[in-house]
């Protein structure tokens, strides 16, 4: 699935219209990363670079000026290198396939940067990119040294991160289509895991079922490291070892999502290894599901972002008191954050080209209001440490999280990860297959 050249051009035009007149934007895609010795990881472009260009080769630079005119500086065609490492678009392909008004080989980077910066009032780039910052500083210094010859270096520098983040926060229809496709690949992968699990399997064997569905469905990479956590491992939020044996009576927490065309999905489900929830497992699971449903009610246009987290916390805290894991008045327990012994993370995050996507959660110090086109996760959970001696033994070592991807729409939230069971009876019925 691809996004049209017209959409990329429209994004660049929107970006430039949001910046001061006579600005020039420079962004780079990044370099190949070494895995070990002479083996590289498969390249994945910088998300904001890809958002503005659609270009996915390493070592490239994008220069955007005027009304969104794109100059790409990239690796040139090289038959010998391509024999070893694969196809390159080169300068000609950058113009023909990606809508660049001009393109230059990487050997001409410094000259191209200086030419683009000369006469611009504002230089805009990602301040957090140390390498690019040094390269641009060198170019600016070179221009400053030629002022008597008529060179005009930019007089101000602006951080590109915030304006691009605000653009990426609101998804267009092409992005939503890709994200829903990625979400549905992930749904099928989670279903496959639920059907396949058996006590005595290793966690990594269950992980293989996920990766099989991802890859056969054209999602060659997960959006993040798969979490396949059995038993007490589910209480480790970012558990990725995935090397334990699954025991009869364990709950399995799987947090895994496919990446498709650089867009992430993010799903968590928790289910019993033997196909049936025990009574304590079911009680905590139902509480997390109730918190999920309470949070969903708050995912409406013009509602504060923090509202769905607050609703989930309220429900979880009430339930923990009812089950005897917490003692005291609910509002006081929330005020003191006593619930964080069992629920220590927020109830969601933005989702897009990055699994924890960019975009501010507060505006002018206040929780920002949800808008149509925003995509986020909703993911309440409960984690009772196996070492928590303050609770009854029946609760210890139980970790549960339920997570879906949600598009904010004018007529209410739309779950992109639809079709994957959450109710206890539906999970047990699927596993019985």
Protein backbone atom coordinates (compact mmCIF):
# COMPACT_ATOMS: atom_id res chain seq x y z
CA UNK A 1 0.00 0.00 0.00
CA UNK A 2 1.42 3.34 -1.06
CA UNK A 3 0.57 6.97 -0.47
CA UNK A 4 0.24 9.12 -3.58
CA UNK A 5 2.84 11.64 -4.73
CA UNK A 6 0.11 14.27 -4.60
CA UNK A 7 -0.34 13.63 -0.88
CA UNK A 8 3.39 13.97 -0.18
CA UNK A 9 3.45 17.21 -2.16
CA UNK A 10 0.41 18.51 -0.25
CA UNK A 11 2.17 17.72 3.04
CA UNK A 12 5.24 19.68 2.01
CA UNK A 13 3.07 22.60 0.94
CA UNK A 14 1.23 22.51 4.27
CA UNK A 15 4.50 22.41 6.15
CA UNK A 16 5.93 25.41 4.32
CA UNK A 17 2.72 27.41 4.80
CA UNK A 18 3.05 26.86 8.57
CA UNK A 19 6.61 28.28 8.65
CA UNK A 20 7.82 31.87 8.34
CA UNK A 21 8.32 33.18 4.80
CA UNK A 22 11.65 32.42 3.14
CA UNK A 23 12.35 29.30 5.19
CA UNK A 24 14.33 26.28 4.02
CA UNK A 25 13.80 22.85 5.59
CA UNK A 26 16.51 20.20 5.76
CA UNK A 27 15.90 16.66 7.04
CA UNK A 28 17.81 13.42 6.62
CA UNK A 29 16.67 9.82 6.61
CA UNK A 30 19.52 8.19 8.56
CA UNK A 31 22.19 5.58 7.92
CA UNK A 32 22.39 1.82 7.84
CA UNK A 33 22.93 0.44 11.35
CA UNK A 34 25.46 -2.31 11.95
CA UNK A 35 24.11 -5.41 13.66
CA UNK A 36 27.49 -7.04 14.13
CA UNK A 37 30.79 -7.08 12.24
CA UNK A 38 29.87 -6.60 8.54
CA UNK A 39 26.13 -7.36 8.87
CA UNK A 40 23.64 -4.50 8.78
CA UNK A 41 20.07 -4.30 9.99
CA UNK A 42 17.48 -3.84 7.26
CA UNK A 43 17.13 -0.09 6.77
CA UNK A 44 14.06 1.70 8.05
CA UNK A 45 13.78 5.44 7.19
CA UNK A 46 13.30 8.23 9.70
CA UNK A 47 9.55 8.60 10.16
CA UNK A 48 9.28 12.35 9.54
CA UNK A 49 11.56 12.13 6.49
CA UNK A 50 9.36 9.38 5.10
CA UNK A 51 6.20 11.34 5.95
CA UNK A 52 7.40 14.26 3.81
CA UNK A 53 8.97 12.33 0.93
CA UNK A 54 7.98 8.66 0.73
CA UNK A 55 11.65 7.96 -0.02
CA UNK A 56 13.04 4.97 1.87
CA UNK A 57 16.71 4.62 0.90
CA UNK A 58 19.48 5.28 3.44
CA UNK A 59 21.87 8.25 3.54
CA UNK A 60 19.42 10.60 1.81
CA UNK A 61 18.70 14.26 2.56
CA UNK A 62 15.58 16.24 1.71
CA UNK A 63 15.63 20.00 1.20
CA UNK A 64 12.22 21.68 1.05
CA UNK A 65 11.81 25.30 0.02
CA UNK A 66 9.40 27.73 -1.63
CA UNK A 67 5.89 26.31 -1.76
CA UNK A 68 7.04 22.78 -0.99
CA UNK A 69 9.61 22.21 -3.71
CA UNK A 70 11.64 19.08 -2.97
CA UNK A 71 15.33 18.52 -3.60
CA UNK A 72 16.63 15.03 -2.81
CA UNK A 73 20.30 14.34 -2.21
CA UNK A 74 20.84 10.62 -2.45
CA UNK A 75 23.19 7.79 -3.27
CA UNK A 76 23.76 7.69 -7.04
CA UNK A 77 23.16 4.72 -9.29
CA UNK A 78 26.08 2.31 -9.04
CA UNK A 79 25.79 -1.02 -10.91
CA UNK A 80 28.58 -2.65 -8.89
CA UNK A 81 27.12 -1.62 -5.52
CA UNK A 82 23.63 -2.59 -6.67
CA UNK A 83 24.93 -6.04 -7.65
CA UNK A 84 25.80 -6.58 -3.98
CA UNK A 85 23.26 -4.53 -2.05
CA UNK A 86 20.25 -4.09 -4.31
CA UNK A 87 18.46 -1.48 -6.39
CA UNK A 88 18.93 2.27 -5.95
CA UNK A 89 16.68 4.94 -7.42
CA UNK A 90 19.56 7.33 -7.92
CA UNK A 91 19.24 10.94 -9.00
CA UNK A 92 17.03 10.21 -11.99
CA UNK A 93 14.66 8.00 -10.01
CA UNK A 94 14.38 10.59 -7.22
CA UNK A 95 12.92 13.03 -9.75
CA UNK A 96 10.84 10.57 -11.78
CA UNK A 97 9.37 8.52 -8.93
CA UNK A 98 9.20 10.88 -5.93
CA UNK A 99 8.30 14.27 -7.34
CA UNK A 100 11.60 16.00 -6.60
CA UNK A 101 12.10 19.17 -8.64
CA UNK A 102 15.80 18.43 -8.58
CA UNK A 103 18.13 15.79 -7.18
CA UNK A 104 21.85 15.58 -6.54
CA UNK A 105 24.26 12.77 -5.69
CA UNK A 106 25.45 12.50 -2.10
CA UNK A 107 28.93 13.70 -3.14
CA UNK A 108 27.37 17.12 -3.87
CA UNK A 109 25.72 17.41 -0.42
CA UNK A 110 27.72 20.35 0.96
CA UNK A 111 27.41 22.42 -2.21
CA UNK A 112 23.68 21.67 -2.43
CA UNK A 113 23.07 22.58 1.20
CA UNK A 114 24.97 25.86 0.90
CA UNK A 115 23.15 26.78 -2.29
CA UNK A 116 19.78 26.09 -0.64
CA UNK A 117 20.65 28.01 2.54
CA UNK A 118 22.14 31.05 0.78
CA UNK A 119 19.55 33.83 0.94
CA UNK A 120 17.11 31.99 3.20
CA UNK A 121 16.02 33.83 6.35
CA UNK A 122 15.19 30.75 8.42
CA UNK A 123 16.91 27.37 8.55
CA UNK A 124 14.53 24.65 9.79
CA UNK A 125 15.74 21.21 10.89
CA UNK A 126 15.37 18.68 13.71
CA UNK A 127 17.48 20.08 16.53
CA UNK A 128 17.85 16.61 18.02
CA UNK A 129 19.73 15.32 14.97
CA UNK A 130 23.31 15.97 16.12
CA UNK A 131 24.95 14.90 12.86
CA UNK A 132 22.73 17.13 10.73
CA UNK A 133 23.20 20.01 13.18
CA UNK A 134 26.97 19.80 12.73
CA UNK A 135 26.72 19.55 8.95
CA UNK A 136 24.44 22.57 8.74
CA UNK A 137 26.64 24.57 11.11
CA UNK A 138 29.62 23.91 8.85
CA UNK A 139 27.63 25.05 5.82
CA UNK A 140 26.44 28.17 7.60
CA UNK A 141 29.98 29.01 8.67
CA UNK A 142 31.15 28.57 5.09
CA UNK A 143 28.47 30.99 3.91
CA UNK A 144 29.36 33.46 6.68
CA UNK A 145 32.94 33.42 5.42
CA UNK A 146 31.73 34.58 2.01
CA UNK A 147 29.48 37.42 3.15
CA UNK A 148 31.75 40.00 1.50
CA UNK A 149 31.24 38.09 -1.73
CA UNK A 150 27.46 38.40 -1.41
CA UNK A 151 26.58 35.20 0.49
CA UNK A 152 23.62 35.49 2.89
CA UNK A 153 23.49 32.77 5.57
CA UNK A 154 20.19 32.20 7.42
CA UNK A 155 19.79 34.49 10.41
CA UNK A 156 17.56 32.21 12.48
CA UNK A 157 17.15 28.51 13.15
CA UNK A 158 13.87 26.76 13.92
CA UNK A 159 13.18 23.25 15.19
CA UNK A 160 11.29 21.15 12.65
CA UNK A 161 10.07 18.63 15.23
CA UNK A 162 6.99 20.47 16.49
CA UNK A 163 5.38 21.52 13.17
CA UNK A 164 5.86 18.06 11.65
CA UNK A 165 4.56 16.40 14.83
CA UNK A 166 1.37 18.45 14.64
CA UNK A 167 0.88 17.41 11.02
CA UNK A 168 1.52 13.73 11.74
CA UNK A 169 -0.93 13.79 14.65
CA UNK A 170 -3.92 14.08 12.31
CA UNK A 171 -4.11 11.20 9.86
CA UNK A 172 -5.43 11.50 6.31
CA UNK A 173 -7.54 8.86 4.58
CA UNK A 174 -4.59 7.15 2.90
CA UNK A 175 -2.80 6.81 6.23
CA UNK A 176 -5.93 5.47 7.93
CA UNK A 177 -6.36 2.83 5.22
CA UNK A 178 -2.80 1.59 5.72
CA UNK A 179 -3.14 1.64 9.51
CA UNK A 180 -6.35 -0.37 9.40
CA UNK A 181 -4.70 -2.89 7.09
CA UNK A 182 -1.76 -3.20 9.50
CA UNK A 183 -4.21 -3.53 12.39
CA UNK A 184 -6.11 -6.34 10.69
CA UNK A 185 -2.91 -8.25 9.94
CA UNK A 186 -2.16 -8.00 13.66
CA UNK A 187 -5.67 -9.17 14.55
CA UNK A 188 -5.13 -12.33 12.51
CA UNK A 189 -1.73 -12.87 14.11
CA UNK A 190 -3.20 -12.65 17.62
CA UNK A 191 -5.99 -15.06 16.65
CA UNK A 192 -3.38 -17.49 15.38
CA UNK A 193 -1.52 -17.26 18.69
CA UNK A 194 -4.71 -17.89 20.67
CA UNK A 195 -5.51 -20.96 18.60
CA UNK A 196 -1.95 -22.31 18.74
CA UNK A 197 -0.95 -21.97 22.40
CA UNK A 198 -0.48 -25.12 24.48
CA UNK A 199 1.06 -25.62 27.91
CA UNK A 200 4.62 -26.84 27.45
CA UNK A 201 5.34 -24.58 24.47
CA UNK A 202 8.12 -22.02 24.69
CA UNK A 203 7.21 -18.36 24.49
CA UNK A 204 9.36 -17.98 21.37
CA UNK A 205 7.40 -20.75 19.65
CA UNK A 206 4.24 -18.73 20.17
CA UNK A 207 6.08 -15.62 18.95
CA UNK A 208 6.88 -17.53 15.74
CA UNK A 209 3.15 -17.81 15.04
CA UNK A 210 2.87 -14.01 15.18
CA UNK A 211 5.83 -13.43 12.89
CA UNK A 212 4.56 -16.01 10.41
CA UNK A 213 1.24 -14.21 9.99
CA UNK A 214 2.95 -10.80 9.83
CA UNK A 215 5.36 -11.81 7.08
CA UNK A 216 2.97 -13.83 4.94
CA UNK A 217 0.67 -10.78 4.98
CA UNK A 218 3.40 -8.41 3.64
CA UNK A 219 4.28 -6.91 7.03
CA UNK A 220 7.92 -7.97 7.02
CA UNK A 221 8.71 -6.34 10.35
CA UNK A 222 6.87 -6.01 13.64
CA UNK A 223 6.30 -2.40 14.66
CA UNK A 224 8.26 -3.03 17.88
CA UNK A 225 9.77 -5.98 19.73
CA UNK A 226 7.13 -8.64 20.32
CA UNK A 227 6.15 -9.23 23.93
CA UNK A 228 5.10 -12.83 24.60
CA UNK A 229 4.92 -13.08 28.37
CA UNK A 230 3.64 -16.10 30.26
CA UNK A 231 2.78 -16.26 33.95
CA UNK A 232 4.55 -13.70 36.11
CA UNK A 233 6.54 -12.48 33.09
CA UNK A 234 3.38 -10.58 32.13
CA UNK A 235 4.06 -8.24 35.07
CA UNK A 236 7.22 -7.01 33.29
CA UNK A 237 5.90 -4.23 31.07
CA UNK A 238 8.52 -4.49 28.32
CA UNK A 239 9.38 -8.17 28.60
CA UNK A 240 11.03 -9.28 25.32
CA UNK A 241 13.15 -12.30 26.28
CA UNK A 242 10.30 -14.61 25.25
CA UNK A 243 12.29 -17.68 26.31
CA UNK A 244 10.28 -19.24 29.15
CA UNK A 245 8.23 -22.42 29.03
CA UNK A 246 4.48 -21.85 29.15
CA UNK A 247 2.91 -23.60 32.12
CA UNK A 248 -0.57 -25.02 32.53
CA UNK A 249 -2.60 -22.38 34.36
CA UNK A 250 -0.54 -19.44 33.07
CA UNK A 251 -2.05 -16.38 31.50
CA UNK A 252 -0.28 -15.29 28.30
CA UNK A 253 0.09 -11.56 27.62
CA UNK A 254 0.97 -10.81 24.00
CA UNK A 255 1.74 -7.23 22.99
CA UNK A 256 2.57 -7.28 19.29
CA UNK A 257 1.72 -5.33 16.16
CA UNK A 258 2.67 -5.43 12.50
CA UNK A 259 4.30 -2.56 10.64
CA UNK A 260 2.99 -2.01 7.12
CA UNK A 261 4.44 0.62 4.77
CA UNK A 262 6.17 2.11 7.84
CA UNK A 263 2.87 2.50 9.75
CA UNK A 264 2.50 0.78 13.13
CA UNK A 265 -0.24 -1.22 14.76
CA UNK A 266 -0.24 -2.08 18.45
CA UNK A 267 -2.41 -4.77 20.08
CA UNK A 268 -2.34 -6.49 23.45
CA UNK A 269 -4.42 -9.46 24.45
CA UNK A 270 -4.25 -11.67 27.54
CA UNK A 271 -5.56 -15.24 27.49
CA UNK A 272 -5.18 -18.53 29.39
CA UNK A 273 -2.63 -21.09 28.19
CA UNK A 274 -5.04 -23.95 28.80
CA UNK A 275 -8.05 -22.20 27.28
CA UNK A 276 -9.93 -21.45 30.52
CA UNK A 277 -9.57 -18.51 32.91
CA UNK A 278 -9.33 -19.39 36.59
CA UNK A 279 -11.66 -17.50 38.94
CA UNK A 280 -8.97 -15.02 40.15
CA UNK A 281 -7.74 -14.50 36.58
CA UNK A 282 -11.26 -13.89 35.35
CA UNK A 283 -11.99 -11.40 38.15
CA UNK A 284 -8.95 -9.26 37.35
CA UNK A 285 -9.45 -9.64 33.61
CA UNK A 286 -13.06 -8.45 33.82
CA UNK A 287 -11.93 -5.45 35.85
CA UNK A 288 -9.42 -4.47 33.15
CA UNK A 289 -12.10 -4.93 30.50
CA UNK A 290 -14.47 -2.71 32.48
CA UNK A 291 -11.74 -0.05 32.61
CA UNK A 292 -11.30 -0.39 28.84
CA UNK A 293 -15.02 0.16 28.29
CA UNK A 294 -15.06 3.15 30.65
CA UNK A 295 -12.15 4.69 28.77
CA UNK A 296 -13.77 4.11 25.37
CA UNK A 297 -16.72 6.28 26.39
CA UNK A 298 -14.34 9.24 26.70
CA UNK A 299 -12.79 8.89 23.22
CA UNK A 300 -14.91 11.60 21.63
CA UNK A 301 -14.11 14.71 19.62
CA UNK A 302 -13.48 17.70 21.94
CA UNK A 303 -12.93 15.52 25.01
CA UNK A 304 -9.60 16.07 26.81
CA UNK A 305 -6.97 13.45 26.00
CA UNK A 306 -6.51 12.63 29.69
CA UNK A 307 -10.21 11.83 30.20
CA UNK A 308 -9.99 8.21 29.08
CA UNK A 309 -7.00 7.57 31.36
CA UNK A 310 -8.82 9.11 34.31
CA UNK A 311 -11.90 7.00 33.62
CA UNK A 312 -9.81 3.83 33.48
CA UNK A 313 -8.00 4.70 36.72
CA UNK A 314 -11.32 5.36 38.47
CA UNK A 315 -12.72 1.99 37.38
CA UNK A 316 -9.56 0.06 38.22
CA UNK A 317 -9.24 1.61 41.65
CA UNK A 318 -12.87 0.92 42.50
CA UNK A 319 -12.44 -2.67 41.41
CA UNK A 320 -9.21 -3.19 43.33
CA UNK A 321 -10.96 -2.02 46.48
CA UNK A 322 -13.91 -4.31 45.83
CA UNK A 323 -11.59 -7.29 45.31
CA UNK A 324 -9.56 -6.47 48.41
CA UNK A 325 -6.24 -5.64 46.75
CA UNK A 326 -6.50 -2.02 47.92
CA UNK A 327 -8.02 -0.71 51.11
CA UNK A 328 -9.36 2.79 51.69
CA UNK A 329 -11.53 5.41 50.02
CA UNK A 330 -11.35 5.37 46.23
CA UNK A 331 -10.75 9.11 45.77
CA UNK A 332 -7.98 9.13 48.39
CA UNK A 333 -6.33 6.10 46.78
CA UNK A 334 -6.41 7.87 43.42
CA UNK A 335 -5.07 11.09 44.93
CA UNK A 336 -2.18 9.22 46.58
CA UNK A 337 -1.65 7.12 43.43
CA UNK A 338 -1.85 3.94 45.50
CA UNK A 339 -3.24 2.20 42.40
CA UNK A 340 0.22 2.50 40.79
CA UNK A 341 1.33 -0.58 42.72
CA UNK A 342 -0.84 -2.44 40.21
CA UNK A 343 -1.20 -0.01 37.28
CA UNK A 344 1.87 2.10 36.61
CA UNK A 345 1.50 3.30 33.01
CA UNK A 346 -0.81 5.60 31.10
CA UNK A 347 -3.85 4.25 29.31
CA UNK A 348 -2.69 5.03 25.78
CA UNK A 349 -0.45 6.90 23.37
CA UNK A 350 -0.54 8.36 19.87
CA UNK A 351 -0.01 5.85 17.04
CA UNK A 352 1.21 6.33 13.49
CA UNK A 353 4.54 6.04 11.74
CA UNK A 354 6.02 5.35 15.17
CA UNK A 355 4.38 3.06 17.67
CA UNK A 356 4.75 5.81 20.27
CA UNK A 357 4.00 8.49 17.75
CA UNK A 358 4.88 12.16 17.94
CA UNK A 359 2.49 14.91 19.01
CA UNK A 360 2.01 16.90 22.18
CA UNK A 361 -0.36 15.57 24.83
CA UNK A 362 -0.83 19.01 26.36
CA UNK A 363 -1.40 22.42 24.80
CA UNK A 364 -0.75 25.54 26.89
CA UNK A 365 -0.41 23.32 29.94
CA UNK A 366 -3.83 21.69 29.48
CA UNK A 367 -4.70 18.22 28.21
CA UNK A 368 -5.31 18.70 24.52
CA UNK A 369 -8.75 18.09 23.05
CA UNK A 370 -9.23 15.09 20.79
CA UNK A 371 -9.82 15.84 17.11
CA UNK A 372 -11.14 13.85 14.18
CA UNK A 373 -8.32 11.96 12.46
CA UNK A 374 -6.21 11.35 15.56
CA UNK A 375 -5.25 7.72 16.21
CA UNK A 376 -4.34 6.42 19.65
CA UNK A 377 -4.20 3.26 21.68
CA UNK A 378 -6.33 2.40 24.68
CA UNK A 379 -4.56 -0.08 26.96
CA UNK A 380 -5.56 -0.44 30.61
CA UNK A 381 -3.90 -3.18 32.61
CA UNK A 382 -3.22 -4.69 36.02
CA UNK A 383 0.05 -6.24 37.19
CA UNK A 384 0.28 -8.05 40.52
CA UNK A 385 3.91 -8.84 41.30
CA UNK A 386 4.63 -12.41 42.35
CA UNK A 387 6.57 -10.87 45.24
CA UNK A 388 3.71 -8.69 46.51
CA UNK A 389 3.09 -10.03 49.99
CA UNK A 390 0.39 -7.41 50.68
CA UNK A 391 -2.20 -9.28 48.64
CA UNK A 392 -3.64 -12.78 48.82
CA UNK A 393 -1.62 -15.50 47.10
CA UNK A 394 -4.34 -16.13 44.51
CA UNK A 395 -3.63 -12.74 42.89
CA UNK A 396 0.17 -12.90 42.76
CA UNK A 397 1.92 -13.21 39.42
CA UNK A 398 -1.10 -12.20 37.34
CA UNK A 399 -0.44 -9.63 34.61
CA UNK A 400 -3.21 -8.44 32.27
CA UNK A 401 -3.45 -5.80 29.56
CA UNK A 402 -6.06 -5.19 26.85
CA UNK A 403 -5.10 -2.86 24.01
CA UNK A 404 -6.70 -1.68 20.77
CA UNK A 405 -5.98 1.01 18.17
CA UNK A 406 -8.68 3.67 17.91
CA UNK A 407 -9.42 6.33 15.30
CA UNK A 408 -11.20 9.43 16.60
CA UNK A 409 -14.19 10.22 14.39
CA UNK A 410 -16.98 12.78 14.54
CA UNK A 411 -19.56 10.06 15.19
CA UNK A 412 -17.53 8.29 17.88
CA UNK A 413 -14.43 6.12 18.23
CA UNK A 414 -13.65 3.56 15.52
CA UNK A 415 -11.58 0.55 16.57
CA UNK A 416 -9.08 -0.19 13.80
CA UNK A 417 -8.24 -3.49 15.48
CA UNK A 418 -11.82 -4.73 15.24
CA UNK A 419 -12.59 -8.42 15.15
CA UNK A 420 -10.27 -9.62 17.91
CA UNK A 421 -12.10 -11.05 20.96
CA UNK A 422 -11.91 -9.27 24.30
CA UNK A 423 -14.78 -10.79 26.26
CA UNK A 424 -13.87 -13.82 28.37
CA UNK A 425 -16.39 -16.15 26.74
CA UNK A 426 -15.32 -15.05 23.23
CA UNK A 427 -11.65 -15.69 23.99
CA UNK A 428 -12.38 -19.12 25.41
CA UNK A 429 -14.56 -19.95 22.40
CA UNK A 430 -11.82 -18.93 19.94
CA UNK A 431 -9.23 -20.93 21.81
CA UNK A 432 -11.48 -23.98 21.72
CA UNK A 433 -11.09 -23.97 17.94
